[in-house]
Amino acid sequence: MNSDRVALRVADMSFDAIPQAARQRARERLLDTIGTALGGAATKAARMAAAAMTDPGEASTLIPGAPTRTETAAAFVSAVSASALDYDDGHYLGGAIHPSSVIVPTVLVAASTRPVDLPTFLAAQVAGFEVAVRAAHLLWPRHETNRWFCTGTAGAVGAAAAAAKVRGGDADTIRRAMLIAWAHAPISALQWPTVKEAIGWSAATAVTACRLAEQGWMAIPHETAPALAPTIFPPTPFDEPHAAGDPFVDSLGSTFEIERSYLKPHAACRYTHTAADALNDLLADGLRAHHIHSIRVATHHWATFLTHRRPPSLEHAQYSYPFVLAALAVHGQAGPDQIAEHRLHDPAILDIASRVKVVHDPELDVHLPQHYGTQLDIHLTDGTTMRLEPRLVARGDPADPMSTAEQDDKFAGLVTPLSTVATDRLRQALADGSDTTVFWRAIARAGREQ
């Protein structure tokens, strides 16, 4: 597999050739990402992105009622909104990335100025997802000293391929869009507050790469022999020597990794979810915040930094075992209304968070990267301790998927600022195979009807 073959497989990937299960996952991820973006539009990060990216243009953004912008600006603002709540989907073995928060906004923006039917849209979305997780797999750190994250970098490559495909690009245009995106992709590192994994810049890079490819950027005249890049500078991760024969990469087009992606029931870093699920089960059985004296969280070594007891920003709270578990104990949920900027100084949450300790359990490391395991000890005010079994599978994983009703409830909770009529129009536009112009009209009406 190399970038030429990847581009050919993307170009050849038709909606009819995608298995029904993968199509269904794509529809679910599309709705989930739109919901997270509409809900995330009210965050400080999204508001600042919208205020900074004001260049007027023709492209719509996933912020109801917002003015149109250039495609680059619209992609940036939309992707920041889609990732701001840390409620977006992910994939464990595909570089532990959050593909849809880059790919869905990019493809939506790329298709916002022209009618694209839903099957064509979903085929591009799936193709971008499949490329992104394989690029991330190749980029996944081989050494503990490498602390870069893959979402922004690999996501840009997959999203550029998807954008070029949804706009009718041939294999050569798709390949050049991927190369341009790779050449300009952000090196993705966690920086708080706001930046996370460079998801906004990843989408902006991807849609710009698509536009450049459409203009002929990097094209070589047919009468000229292709110039080969030096082997020490492979054009993309797919052209690296270690990519050749990699079964995960070679399965592009035959195995659909979107089927193995996860959805989030909690608005927080995925590392926290097995712990939150375990505590949630106890709450369902009658445990209450006033019963809890302290909590000990044993986790794998990747997650030992999630220790903020008094997080100074929303992003710090999302990446905090103490805050997430305390919010869940106090308010019964760990959604976007509990893991939120207005909760950062909630005295009840901070009280319990101050009594949460995070420790490393080497026995949980062996399950990485397939599972982000945790084990809880709940010390109660009556002096007893509830020692829970380690939990490896998180709710929303392929092995424990969220039900349709749970996904609907999540979406409804995210779009509550919109009117019921606007929400129904949006659902209908996504469900009935309408083209993208109908969808964007629903978003615009939603903004006017808030």
Protein backbone atom coordinates (compact mmCIF):
# COMPACT_ATOMS: atom_id res chain seq x y z
CA MET A 1 0.00 0.00 0.00
CA ASN A 2 1.23 3.49 -0.87
CA SER A 3 -0.41 6.87 -1.38
CA ASP A 4 -1.23 6.07 -5.02
CA ARG A 5 -3.13 2.93 -4.04
CA VAL A 6 -4.82 4.65 -1.12
CA ALA A 7 -6.10 7.36 -3.45
CA LEU A 8 -7.35 4.78 -5.94
CA ARG A 9 -9.23 2.90 -3.24
CA VAL A 10 -10.77 6.13 -1.97
CA ALA A 11 -11.83 7.11 -5.48
CA ASP A 12 -13.33 3.65 -6.09
CA MET A 13 -15.16 3.42 -2.75
CA SER A 14 -18.85 3.70 -3.65
CA PHE A 15 -21.77 3.83 -1.26
CA ASP A 16 -23.08 0.51 -2.59
CA ALA A 17 -19.74 -1.18 -1.87
CA ILE A 18 -19.78 -0.14 1.79
CA PRO A 19 -21.30 -2.79 4.09
CA GLN A 20 -24.59 -1.95 5.74
CA ALA A 21 -23.02 -1.98 9.22
CA ALA A 22 -20.42 0.60 8.15
CA ARG A 23 -23.12 2.77 6.55
CA GLN A 24 -25.08 2.69 9.78
CA ARG A 25 -22.01 3.65 11.81
CA ALA A 26 -21.40 6.53 9.41
CA ARG A 27 -24.94 7.83 9.88
CA GLU A 28 -24.57 7.53 13.65
CA ARG A 29 -21.20 9.32 13.64
CA LEU A 30 -22.57 12.03 11.37
CA LEU A 31 -25.48 12.74 13.71
CA ASP A 32 -23.28 12.44 16.81
CA THR A 33 -20.68 14.87 15.45
CA ILE A 34 -23.29 17.39 14.36
CA GLY A 35 -24.78 17.20 17.84
CA THR A 36 -21.42 17.68 19.56
CA ALA A 37 -20.71 20.65 17.30
CA LEU A 38 -24.07 22.31 17.92
CA GLY A 39 -23.66 21.75 21.65
CA GLY A 40 -20.02 22.80 21.59
CA ALA A 41 -20.79 26.06 19.79
CA ALA A 42 -21.58 27.69 23.15
CA THR A 43 -18.17 26.92 24.70
CA LYS A 44 -15.50 29.56 25.18
CA ALA A 45 -13.22 27.79 22.70
CA ALA A 46 -15.84 27.82 19.95
CA ARG A 47 -16.83 31.44 20.62
CA MET A 48 -13.20 32.57 20.42
CA ALA A 49 -12.67 30.57 17.22
CA ALA A 50 -15.74 32.16 15.66
CA ALA A 51 -14.61 35.63 16.72
CA ALA A 52 -11.12 35.11 15.29
CA MET A 53 -12.15 33.50 11.98
CA THR A 54 -14.41 36.17 10.52
CA ASP A 55 -13.26 36.25 6.87
CA PRO A 56 -16.49 36.40 4.82
CA GLY A 57 -17.14 33.74 2.24
CA GLU A 58 -19.76 31.30 0.97
CA ALA A 59 -19.19 28.32 3.30
CA SER A 60 -21.54 27.51 6.17
CA THR A 61 -20.42 26.57 9.67
CA LEU A 62 -21.84 24.24 12.30
CA ILE A 63 -22.90 27.21 14.41
CA PRO A 64 -26.59 27.93 13.92
CA GLY A 65 -27.23 31.41 12.62
CA ALA A 66 -23.57 32.24 12.08
CA PRO A 67 -22.60 34.16 8.92
CA THR A 68 -20.94 32.26 6.10
CA ARG A 69 -17.15 32.29 5.96
CA THR A 70 -14.33 31.13 3.76
CA GLU A 71 -14.08 27.35 3.65
CA THR A 72 -10.85 27.43 5.66
CA ALA A 73 -12.40 29.55 8.40
CA ALA A 74 -15.65 27.57 8.39
CA ALA A 75 -13.79 24.28 8.74
CA PHE A 76 -11.70 25.61 11.62
CA VAL A 77 -14.67 26.97 13.56
CA SER A 78 -16.82 23.89 12.92
CA ALA A 79 -14.12 21.42 13.99
CA VAL A 80 -13.31 23.39 17.15
CA SER A 81 -17.02 23.28 18.00
CA ALA A 82 -17.20 19.55 17.28
CA SER A 83 -14.32 18.78 19.66
CA ALA A 84 -14.85 21.42 22.36
CA LEU A 85 -17.00 19.26 24.63
CA ASP A 86 -14.69 16.22 24.39
CA TYR A 87 -17.82 14.29 23.44
CA ASP A 88 -16.58 13.16 20.01
CA ASP A 89 -16.04 9.60 18.82
CA GLY A 90 -12.73 7.74 18.62
CA HIS A 91 -10.84 4.64 17.57
CA TYR A 92 -8.40 2.73 19.77
CA LEU A 93 -6.20 0.79 17.36
CA GLY A 94 -6.27 3.49 14.70
CA GLY A 95 -3.79 5.67 16.55
CA ALA A 96 -6.22 6.47 19.39
CA ILE A 97 -7.60 9.35 17.35
CA HIS A 98 -10.92 11.20 17.21
CA PRO A 99 -11.60 10.97 13.47
CA SER A 100 -15.10 12.37 13.07
CA SER A 101 -14.47 15.72 14.75
CA VAL A 102 -12.06 16.46 11.89
CA ILE A 103 -13.65 14.57 9.01
CA VAL A 104 -17.35 15.38 9.43
CA PRO A 105 -16.91 19.18 9.71
CA THR A 106 -14.45 19.15 6.79
CA VAL A 107 -16.76 17.22 4.47
CA LEU A 108 -19.80 19.23 5.55
CA VAL A 109 -18.00 22.49 4.81
CA ALA A 110 -16.60 21.15 1.54
CA ALA A 111 -20.16 20.27 0.52
CA SER A 112 -21.82 23.39 1.92
CA THR A 113 -21.73 25.40 -1.29
CA ARG A 114 -23.12 22.70 -3.58
CA PRO A 115 -25.82 20.02 -3.42
CA VAL A 116 -24.44 16.58 -2.53
CA ASP A 117 -26.78 13.63 -2.01
CA LEU A 118 -26.50 11.72 1.25
CA PRO A 119 -25.08 8.46 -0.22
CA THR A 120 -22.28 10.41 -1.90
CA PHE A 121 -21.65 12.29 1.32
CA LEU A 122 -21.54 9.12 3.45
CA ALA A 123 -19.18 7.39 1.02
CA ALA A 124 -16.74 10.30 1.33
CA GLN A 125 -17.14 10.37 5.11
CA VAL A 126 -16.39 6.64 5.40
CA ALA A 127 -13.43 6.87 3.02
CA GLY A 128 -11.92 9.72 5.01
CA PHE A 129 -12.42 7.83 8.27
CA GLU A 130 -10.72 4.72 6.89
CA VAL A 131 -7.73 6.69 5.61
CA ALA A 132 -7.36 8.68 8.82
CA VAL A 133 -7.25 5.73 11.20
CA ARG A 134 -4.71 3.94 9.03
CA ALA A 135 -2.49 7.00 8.81
CA ALA A 136 -2.77 7.37 12.58
CA HIS A 137 -1.88 3.71 13.03
CA LEU A 138 1.33 4.36 11.11
CA LEU A 139 2.05 7.49 13.13
CA TRP A 140 1.30 5.96 16.53
CA PRO A 141 4.33 6.55 18.81
CA ARG A 142 6.76 3.67 18.81
CA HIS A 143 8.67 5.08 21.79
CA GLU A 144 7.54 6.39 25.17
CA THR A 145 9.49 9.63 24.63
CA ASN A 146 7.28 10.49 21.64
CA ARG A 147 4.38 12.43 23.14
CA TRP A 148 2.71 13.64 19.94
CA PHE A 149 -0.93 12.86 19.31
CA CYS A 150 -2.26 11.71 15.96
CA THR A 151 -5.70 13.28 15.58
CA GLY A 152 -4.70 16.57 14.00
CA THR A 153 -2.00 15.08 11.80
CA ALA A 154 -3.63 11.91 10.49
CA GLY A 155 -7.06 13.50 10.57
CA ALA A 156 -5.94 16.14 8.08
CA VAL A 157 -4.85 13.47 5.60
CA GLY A 158 -8.11 11.52 5.86
CA ALA A 159 -10.28 14.63 5.80
CA ALA A 160 -8.49 15.99 2.72
CA ALA A 161 -9.15 12.73 0.88
CA ALA A 162 -12.80 12.88 1.94
CA ALA A 163 -13.21 16.52 0.89
CA ALA A 164 -11.72 15.86 -2.52
CA LYS A 165 -13.93 12.80 -2.98
CA VAL A 166 -17.18 14.52 -1.96
CA ARG A 167 -16.44 17.23 -4.54
CA GLY A 168 -15.96 14.68 -7.31
CA GLY A 169 -12.18 14.59 -7.45
CA ASP A 170 -10.48 11.76 -9.32
CA ALA A 171 -7.74 9.58 -7.83
CA ASP A 172 -4.99 12.04 -8.82
CA THR A 173 -6.80 14.96 -7.15
CA ILE A 174 -7.45 12.86 -4.03
CA ARG A 175 -3.80 11.80 -3.86
CA ARG A 176 -2.53 15.37 -4.22
CA ALA A 177 -5.01 16.57 -1.58
CA MET A 178 -3.58 13.95 0.78
CA LEU A 179 0.01 14.94 -0.02
CA ILE A 180 -0.73 18.64 0.46
CA ALA A 181 -2.51 17.97 3.75
CA TRP A 182 0.38 15.83 4.99
CA ALA A 183 2.91 18.50 4.03
CA HIS A 184 0.99 21.12 6.03
CA ALA A 185 -0.63 19.03 8.77
CA PRO A 186 -0.29 20.30 12.34
CA ILE A 187 1.95 18.39 14.71
CA SER A 188 -0.70 17.55 17.21
CA ALA A 189 0.09 18.01 20.88
CA LEU A 190 -2.17 18.48 23.87
CA GLN A 191 -2.10 22.09 25.00
CA TRP A 192 -4.63 23.37 27.51
CA PRO A 193 -6.76 25.32 27.54
CA THR A 194 -8.48 25.16 24.18
CA VAL A 195 -5.97 23.63 21.72
CA LYS A 196 -6.33 19.92 22.48
CA GLU A 197 -5.17 17.90 19.46
CA ALA A 198 -5.07 20.64 16.80
CA ILE A 199 -8.46 19.47 15.54
CA GLY A 200 -9.49 22.91 14.27
CA TRP A 201 -6.30 23.42 12.30
CA SER A 202 -6.54 19.86 10.99
CA ALA A 203 -9.92 20.55 9.35
CA ALA A 204 -8.72 23.93 8.05
CA THR A 205 -5.64 22.26 6.57
CA ALA A 206 -7.72 19.52 4.97
CA VAL A 207 -10.24 21.76 3.21
CA THR A 208 -7.44 24.07 2.04
CA ALA A 209 -5.50 21.08 0.71
CA CYS A 210 -8.58 20.05 -1.25
CA ARG A 211 -8.92 23.51 -2.77
CA LEU A 212 -5.24 23.59 -3.72
CA ALA A 213 -5.45 20.14 -5.30
CA GLU A 214 -8.45 21.27 -7.34
CA GLN A 215 -6.35 24.16 -8.64
CA GLY A 216 -3.62 21.76 -9.77
CA TRP A 217 -1.20 22.23 -6.88
CA MET A 218 1.55 19.58 -7.07
CA ALA A 219 0.27 18.30 -10.42
CA ILE A 220 2.87 16.97 -12.87
CA PRO A 221 2.21 17.30 -16.63
CA HIS A 222 1.31 13.98 -18.23
CA GLU A 223 4.16 14.25 -20.71
CA THR A 224 6.66 14.56 -17.88
CA ALA A 225 7.95 11.51 -16.05
CA PRO A 226 6.89 11.70 -12.37
CA ALA A 227 9.66 13.02 -10.19
CA LEU A 228 10.38 10.56 -7.40
CA ALA A 229 10.89 12.05 -3.96
CA PRO A 230 14.07 10.93 -2.18
CA THR A 231 13.43 7.76 -0.22
CA ILE A 232 14.41 9.50 3.02
CA PHE A 233 11.44 11.84 2.52
CA PRO A 234 8.42 9.63 1.79
CA PRO A 235 5.48 11.65 0.44
CA THR A 236 3.05 10.40 3.14
CA PRO A 237 3.04 7.86 6.00
CA PHE A 238 1.61 5.36 3.51
CA ASP A 239 4.87 5.57 1.55
CA GLU A 240 7.09 4.75 4.53
CA PRO A 241 8.91 1.41 4.31
CA HIS A 242 7.18 0.05 7.40
CA ALA A 243 3.76 0.64 5.79
CA ALA A 244 4.40 -1.95 3.10
CA GLY A 245 2.58 -5.16 3.95
CA ASP A 246 1.02 -3.82 7.15
CA PRO A 247 -2.25 -5.78 7.37
CA PHE A 248 -4.09 -2.97 9.14
CA VAL A 249 -3.20 -0.60 6.30
CA ASP A 250 -3.70 -3.10 3.48
CA SER A 251 -7.26 -3.81 4.65
CA LEU A 252 -8.41 -0.38 3.41
CA GLY A 253 -11.53 -0.96 1.34
CA SER A 254 -12.16 -4.48 2.66
CA THR A 255 -12.28 -3.97 6.43
CA PHE A 256 -14.21 -0.94 7.62
CA GLU A 257 -12.69 0.33 10.83
CA ILE A 258 -15.56 2.76 11.35
CA GLU A 259 -17.45 -0.30 12.61
CA ARG A 260 -14.88 -0.56 15.44
CA SER A 261 -15.08 3.06 16.52
CA TYR A 262 -16.62 4.15 19.80
CA LEU A 263 -19.11 6.78 20.89
CA LYS A 264 -18.91 8.70 24.16
CA PRO A 265 -21.67 8.76 26.78
CA HIS A 266 -19.60 11.08 29.01
CA ALA A 267 -18.24 14.50 27.97
CA ALA A 268 -14.66 13.80 28.99
CA CYS A 269 -11.41 12.16 27.96
CA ARG A 270 -11.95 8.53 27.03
CA TYR A 271 -9.41 7.48 29.67
CA THR A 272 -11.95 8.44 32.35
CA HIS A 273 -14.85 6.45 30.95
CA THR A 274 -14.32 3.01 32.46
CA ALA A 275 -14.02 4.66 35.88
CA ALA A 276 -17.12 6.78 35.25
CA ASP A 277 -19.07 3.72 34.08
CA ALA A 278 -18.12 1.80 37.23
CA LEU A 279 -19.19 4.67 39.47
CA ASN A 280 -22.36 5.16 37.45
CA ASP A 281 -23.38 1.55 38.12
CA LEU A 282 -22.99 2.16 41.86
CA LEU A 283 -25.08 5.32 41.65
CA ALA A 284 -27.80 3.34 39.90
CA ASP A 285 -27.74 0.91 42.84
CA GLY A 286 -28.27 3.69 45.39
CA LEU A 287 -24.82 5.12 46.18
CA ARG A 288 -24.92 8.87 46.76
CA ALA A 289 -22.31 11.61 47.00
CA HIS A 290 -22.70 11.95 50.76
CA HIS A 291 -21.79 8.27 51.17
CA ILE A 292 -18.35 8.83 49.58
CA HIS A 293 -15.40 9.66 51.78
CA SER A 294 -12.72 9.25 49.10
CA ILE A 295 -11.96 7.46 45.83
CA ARG A 296 -8.80 5.75 44.69
CA VAL A 297 -8.43 5.39 40.91
CA ALA A 298 -5.91 2.87 39.63
CA THR A 299 -5.20 3.36 35.94
CA HIS A 300 -2.78 2.65 33.11
CA HIS A 301 0.34 4.75 32.73
CA TRP A 302 -1.00 6.79 29.81
CA ALA A 303 -3.67 8.30 32.07
CA THR A 304 -1.74 9.06 35.25
CA PHE A 305 -1.63 12.77 34.38
CA LEU A 306 -5.42 13.18 34.69
CA THR A 307 -5.13 14.43 38.27
CA HIS A 308 -6.50 18.00 38.33
CA ARG A 309 -8.56 18.43 41.50
CA ARG A 310 -9.30 22.11 40.84
CA PRO A 311 -9.17 22.37 37.04
CA PRO A 312 -8.69 25.96 35.82
CA SER A 313 -10.42 25.44 32.46
CA LEU A 314 -13.03 23.26 30.79
CA GLU A 315 -10.31 21.29 29.04
CA HIS A 316 -8.49 20.58 32.31
CA ALA A 317 -11.79 19.37 33.76
CA GLN A 318 -12.41 17.05 30.82
CA TYR A 319 -9.00 15.51 31.41
CA SER A 320 -9.44 14.94 35.15
CA TYR A 321 -10.46 11.78 36.98
CA PRO A 322 -11.21 13.79 40.15
CA PHE A 323 -13.49 16.31 38.45
CA VAL A 324 -15.31 13.84 36.19
CA LEU A 325 -16.01 11.35 38.98
CA ALA A 326 -17.01 14.11 41.42
CA ALA A 327 -19.38 15.71 38.89
CA LEU A 328 -20.94 12.32 38.25
CA ALA A 329 -21.33 11.62 41.98
CA VAL A 330 -22.87 15.02 42.72
CA HIS A 331 -25.10 15.50 39.68
CA GLY A 332 -25.72 11.94 38.51
CA GLN A 333 -24.29 12.54 35.03
CA ALA A 334 -21.01 13.52 33.40
CA GLY A 335 -22.44 15.22 30.34
CA PRO A 336 -21.78 18.67 28.90
CA ASP A 337 -23.91 20.38 31.55
CA GLN A 338 -21.89 18.78 34.37
CA ILE A 339 -18.41 18.90 32.80
CA ALA A 340 -18.83 22.56 31.96
CA GLU A 341 -17.26 25.96 32.42
CA HIS A 342 -19.98 27.09 34.83
CA ARG A 343 -19.24 24.08 37.05
CA LEU A 344 -15.52 24.74 37.54
CA HIS A 345 -16.15 26.40 40.92
CA ASP A 346 -19.01 24.13 42.02
CA PRO A 347 -18.19 23.59 45.73
CA ALA A 348 -19.88 20.20 45.91
CA ILE A 349 -17.87 18.90 42.95
CA LEU A 350 -14.59 20.36 44.20
CA ASP A 351 -15.15 18.88 47.65
CA ILE A 352 -15.31 15.32 46.36
CA ALA A 353 -12.63 15.98 43.71
CA SER A 354 -10.24 16.96 46.50
CA ARG A 355 -10.58 13.42 47.84
CA VAL A 356 -9.89 11.52 44.61
CA LYS A 357 -6.43 9.99 44.25
CA VAL A 358 -5.01 8.66 40.98
CA VAL A 359 -2.35 5.92 41.01
CA HIS A 360 -0.64 3.80 38.39
CA ASP A 361 -1.45 0.08 38.14
CA PRO A 362 1.08 -1.65 35.85
CA GLU A 363 -1.29 -4.60 35.42
CA LEU A 364 -3.63 -2.36 33.43
CA ASP A 365 -0.86 -1.38 30.98
CA VAL A 366 -0.97 -4.78 29.29
CA HIS A 367 -4.43 -4.01 27.88
CA LEU A 368 -3.26 -0.95 25.94
CA PRO A 369 -4.08 0.22 23.33
CA GLN A 370 -7.24 -1.89 22.95
CA HIS A 371 -8.65 -0.92 26.35
CA TYR A 372 -8.27 1.98 28.78
CA GLY A 373 -8.77 0.08 32.01
CA THR A 374 -9.34 1.43 35.50
CA GLN A 375 -10.02 -0.01 38.94
CA LEU A 376 -11.81 1.89 41.72
CA ASP A 377 -11.72 1.71 45.49
CA ILE A 378 -14.63 3.70 46.97
CA HIS A 379 -14.00 4.53 50.63
CA LEU A 380 -17.32 5.22 52.34
CA THR A 381 -18.13 7.53 55.24
CA ASP A 382 -19.16 4.54 57.38
CA GLY A 383 -15.56 3.29 57.28
CA THR A 384 -16.06 0.50 54.75
CA THR A 385 -14.43 0.21 51.33
CA MET A 386 -16.00 -0.95 48.08
CA ARG A 387 -13.21 -2.49 45.99
CA LEU A 388 -14.42 -2.86 42.41
CA GLU A 389 -13.12 -5.25 39.81
CA PRO A 390 -10.99 -3.70 37.07
CA ARG A 391 -13.10 -2.48 34.17
CA LEU A 392 -11.72 -2.67 30.64
CA VAL A 393 -14.69 -2.10 28.32
CA ALA A 394 -16.24 1.37 28.29
CA ARG A 395 -19.84 2.11 27.41
CA GLY A 396 -19.97 3.00 23.72
CA ASP A 397 -17.19 0.57 22.79
CA PRO A 398 -17.89 -1.87 19.94
CA ALA A 399 -18.29 -4.57 22.63
CA ASP A 400 -20.82 -2.46 24.57
CA PRO A 401 -22.41 -0.04 22.09
CA MET A 402 -24.78 2.77 22.99
CA SER A 403 -28.34 1.95 22.00
CA THR A 404 -30.26 3.99 19.46
CA ALA A 405 -32.30 5.46 22.31
CA GLU A 406 -29.12 6.48 24.16
CA GLN A 407 -27.74 8.11 21.03
CA ASP A 408 -31.03 9.94 20.50
CA ASP A 409 -31.00 11.16 24.10
CA LYS A 410 -27.43 12.39 23.70
CA PHE A 411 -28.32 14.30 20.55
CA ALA A 412 -31.45 15.77 22.13
CA GLY A 413 -29.46 16.97 25.13
CA LEU A 414 -26.89 18.64 22.91
CA VAL A 415 -29.39 20.54 20.78
CA THR A 416 -31.73 21.69 23.56
CA PRO A 417 -31.01 25.40 22.81
CA LEU A 418 -32.67 24.85 19.42
CA SER A 419 -36.40 24.75 18.97
CA THR A 420 -38.17 21.40 18.61
CA VAL A 421 -39.21 22.33 15.08
CA ALA A 422 -35.60 23.13 14.13
CA THR A 423 -34.35 19.88 15.68
CA ASP A 424 -36.98 17.84 13.84
CA ARG A 425 -36.04 19.48 10.54
CA LEU A 426 -32.39 18.68 11.15
CA ARG A 427 -33.11 15.03 11.98
CA GLN A 428 -35.31 14.69 8.92
CA ALA A 429 -32.68 16.18 6.64
CA LEU A 430 -30.19 13.59 7.87
CA ALA A 431 -32.59 10.67 7.76
CA ASP A 432 -34.40 10.98 4.47
CA GLY A 433 -31.45 11.15 2.09
CA SER A 434 -31.80 14.86 1.43
CA ASP A 435 -28.91 16.61 -0.24
CA THR A 436 -26.64 18.94 1.70
CA THR A 437 -28.47 22.12 0.74
CA VAL A 438 -31.54 20.87 2.65
CA PHE A 439 -29.37 20.08 5.66
CA TRP A 440 -27.75 23.52 5.69
CA ARG A 441 -31.16 25.21 5.41
CA ALA A 442 -32.17 23.28 8.54
CA ILE A 443 -29.09 24.58 10.39
CA ALA A 444 -29.77 28.16 9.27
CA ARG A 445 -33.41 27.94 10.39
CA ALA A 446 -32.29 26.49 13.70
CA GLY A 447 -30.21 29.59 14.28
CA ARG A 448 -33.11 31.91 13.58
CA GLU A 449 -35.47 29.92 15.83
CA GLN A 450 -33.31 29.72 18.95
